[in-house]
Amino acid sequence: MSSIITRAWDEVVRPMLYRPNRFQVAALCYRKTKGQKEVLLITTRGTGRWMLPKGWPMDGKSAAEAARIEAWEEAGVKSASVRRAPVGEFDYTKHHDDGFSEPCSATVYAIKVAKMADDFPEAGQRKRKWVTPEVAADMVEEEGLSALLRSF
């Protein structure tokens, strides 16, 4: 009986409890205005909390390029240069439309913004706001993202 319980733990229960976080990419969009750095936050569609543009990796695209595409789709970042090396990462809980939630880790890429569009794929679904990194750190809920913004 003990071997059945051990096997069930090892093969069923343990993988469910200790599964690794899902991987996403995020865009830390920034600009300089009057010598001061600002970062772009957007609201999430479901809960309306402030966050960086982010999404799933894309086949045939580097993680940095996928982050640039997410910045376009979710925030209207049109003209930008992307740093190929990530500037950090943070963990958070992704809330799906069906009510399911899952732990995720987002690798963050800095994107210097040169131009924004008013018409972009998710324009009517999100709010956008430019703020200093310090203010952004206070606006987001995720501790890891807050720390990353404070150090940016």
Protein backbone atom coordinates (compact mmCIF):
# COMPACT_ATOMS: atom_id res chain seq x y z
CA MET A 1 0.00 0.00 0.00
CA SER A 2 2.85 2.35 0.81
CA SER A 3 4.30 1.99 -2.69
CA ILE A 4 0.93 2.93 -4.23
CA ILE A 5 0.76 6.09 -2.12
CA THR A 6 4.38 6.93 -2.89
CA ARG A 7 3.81 6.39 -6.60
CA ALA A 8 0.62 8.51 -6.55
CA TRP A 9 2.51 11.28 -4.75
CA ASP A 10 5.47 11.15 -7.16
CA GLU A 11 3.47 10.84 -10.38
CA VAL A 12 0.26 12.77 -9.75
CA VAL A 13 0.08 14.96 -6.64
CA ARG A 14 3.63 16.33 -6.55
CA PRO A 15 3.68 17.47 -10.22
CA MET A 16 0.37 19.27 -9.66
CA LEU A 17 1.64 21.07 -6.57
CA TYR A 18 5.14 21.86 -7.79
CA ARG A 19 4.62 22.58 -11.46
CA PRO A 20 6.88 25.30 -12.84
CA ASN A 21 5.49 28.72 -13.63
CA ARG A 22 4.37 29.37 -17.21
CA PHE A 23 6.72 31.64 -19.16
CA GLN A 24 5.70 35.01 -20.58
CA VAL A 25 7.51 38.01 -22.03
CA ALA A 26 6.92 41.61 -20.94
CA ALA A 27 7.78 45.00 -22.40
CA LEU A 28 9.16 47.74 -20.15
CA CYS A 29 8.42 50.63 -22.50
CA TYR A 30 10.20 53.86 -21.62
CA ARG A 31 10.93 57.35 -22.92
CA LYS A 32 12.74 60.45 -21.74
CA THR A 33 10.72 63.63 -21.36
CA LYS A 34 12.52 66.79 -20.30
CA GLY A 35 15.45 64.71 -19.09
CA GLN A 36 13.25 62.49 -16.92
CA LYS A 37 12.66 58.79 -17.62
CA GLU A 38 9.05 57.65 -17.84
CA VAL A 39 7.63 54.15 -18.19
CA LEU A 40 4.37 53.06 -19.78
CA LEU A 41 1.81 51.11 -17.79
CA ILE A 42 -1.41 49.64 -19.15
CA THR A 43 -4.44 48.17 -17.45
CA THR A 44 -5.22 44.49 -17.63
CA ARG A 45 -8.44 43.59 -19.43
CA GLY A 46 -9.88 41.43 -16.66
CA THR A 47 -9.10 43.12 -13.36
CA GLY A 48 -8.08 46.60 -14.54
CA ARG A 49 -4.87 46.57 -12.49
CA TRP A 50 -1.76 48.37 -13.80
CA MET A 51 0.81 46.19 -15.56
CA LEU A 52 3.38 46.08 -18.35
CA PRO A 53 2.37 44.84 -21.80
CA LYS A 54 3.05 41.10 -21.80
CA GLY A 55 2.14 37.86 -23.47
CA TRP A 56 3.12 34.36 -24.47
CA PRO A 57 6.25 33.53 -26.49
CA MET A 58 5.69 33.38 -30.25
CA ASP A 59 6.90 30.69 -32.62
CA GLY A 60 9.71 31.93 -34.84
CA LYS A 61 10.24 35.10 -32.77
CA SER A 62 12.85 35.84 -30.13
CA ALA A 63 11.53 36.67 -26.67
CA ALA A 64 12.57 40.32 -27.18
CA GLU A 65 10.70 40.50 -30.49
CA ALA A 66 7.61 38.91 -28.91
CA ALA A 67 7.73 41.59 -26.19
CA ARG A 68 7.89 44.30 -28.90
CA ILE A 69 4.83 42.80 -30.61
CA GLU A 70 2.93 42.69 -27.30
CA ALA A 71 3.80 46.37 -26.74
CA TRP A 72 2.21 47.16 -30.11
CA GLU A 73 -0.91 45.03 -29.63
CA GLU A 74 -1.65 46.03 -26.03
CA ALA A 75 -0.30 49.59 -25.82
CA GLY A 76 0.12 50.98 -29.33
CA VAL A 77 3.91 51.28 -29.16
CA LYS A 78 4.66 51.85 -32.82
CA SER A 79 8.28 52.80 -33.23
CA ALA A 80 10.71 51.36 -30.74
CA SER A 81 14.13 49.86 -30.23
CA VAL A 82 14.37 46.73 -28.11
CA ARG A 83 17.26 45.66 -25.91
CA ARG A 84 17.99 42.01 -26.73
CA ALA A 85 19.09 41.16 -23.19
CA PRO A 86 16.36 41.09 -20.53
CA VAL A 87 16.40 43.70 -17.76
CA GLY A 88 14.79 41.37 -15.23
CA GLU A 89 11.84 39.17 -14.47
CA PHE A 90 8.91 38.95 -12.08
CA ASP A 91 6.35 36.40 -10.97
CA TYR A 92 2.60 36.97 -10.96
CA THR A 93 -0.72 35.17 -11.20
CA LYS A 94 -2.40 35.22 -14.60
CA HIS A 95 -6.19 35.37 -14.40
CA HIS A 96 -7.95 33.85 -17.42
CA ASP A 97 -11.39 34.84 -18.72
CA ASP A 98 -12.80 31.45 -17.66
CA GLY A 99 -11.89 32.13 -14.00
CA PHE A 100 -8.85 29.84 -14.03
CA SER A 101 -5.60 31.28 -12.64
CA GLU A 102 -2.04 30.07 -13.05
CA PRO A 103 1.39 31.14 -11.80
CA CYS A 104 3.56 32.83 -14.42
CA SER A 105 7.06 34.27 -14.68
CA ALA A 106 7.60 37.16 -17.09
CA THR A 107 10.99 37.99 -18.54
CA VAL A 108 11.16 41.74 -19.11
CA TYR A 109 12.72 43.53 -22.09
CA ALA A 110 13.35 47.29 -22.15
CA ILE A 111 11.85 49.04 -25.18
CA LYS A 112 12.74 52.64 -25.97
CA VAL A 113 9.60 54.23 -27.42
CA ALA A 114 9.84 56.76 -30.24
CA LYS A 115 6.22 56.81 -31.42
CA MET A 116 2.77 55.78 -30.16
CA ALA A 117 -0.41 55.04 -32.10
CA ASP A 118 -3.96 55.83 -31.00
CA ASP A 119 -5.38 53.01 -33.12
CA PHE A 120 -3.97 49.59 -32.17
CA PRO A 121 -5.43 46.09 -31.70
CA GLU A 122 -6.50 46.43 -28.02
CA ALA A 123 -7.11 50.20 -28.00
CA GLY A 124 -10.65 50.11 -26.57
CA GLN A 125 -9.82 47.47 -23.98
CA ARG A 126 -7.04 49.11 -21.95
CA LYS A 127 -5.93 52.42 -20.45
CA ARG A 128 -2.36 53.66 -20.89
CA LYS A 129 -0.38 55.91 -18.59
CA TRP A 130 3.15 57.36 -18.67
CA VAL A 131 4.66 57.77 -15.20
CA THR A 132 8.07 57.82 -13.57
CA PRO A 133 9.47 54.41 -12.59
CA GLU A 134 8.99 55.30 -8.92
CA VAL A 135 5.30 56.12 -9.40
CA ALA A 136 4.86 52.99 -11.54
CA ALA A 137 6.39 50.88 -8.77
CA ASP A 138 3.66 52.12 -6.42
CA MET A 139 0.89 51.47 -8.98
CA VAL A 140 1.60 47.80 -9.71
CA GLU A 141 0.58 44.99 -7.36
CA GLU A 142 3.37 42.50 -8.07
CA GLU A 143 6.28 42.88 -5.65
CA GLY A 144 8.87 41.64 -8.13
CA LEU A 145 7.68 44.06 -10.81
CA SER A 146 7.65 46.90 -8.29
CA ALA A 147 11.27 46.17 -7.36
CA LEU A 148 12.28 45.96 -11.03
CA LEU A 149 10.67 49.34 -11.75
CA ARG A 150 12.41 50.98 -8.77
CA SER A 151 15.79 49.77 -10.06
CA PHE A 152 15.17 50.81 -13.69
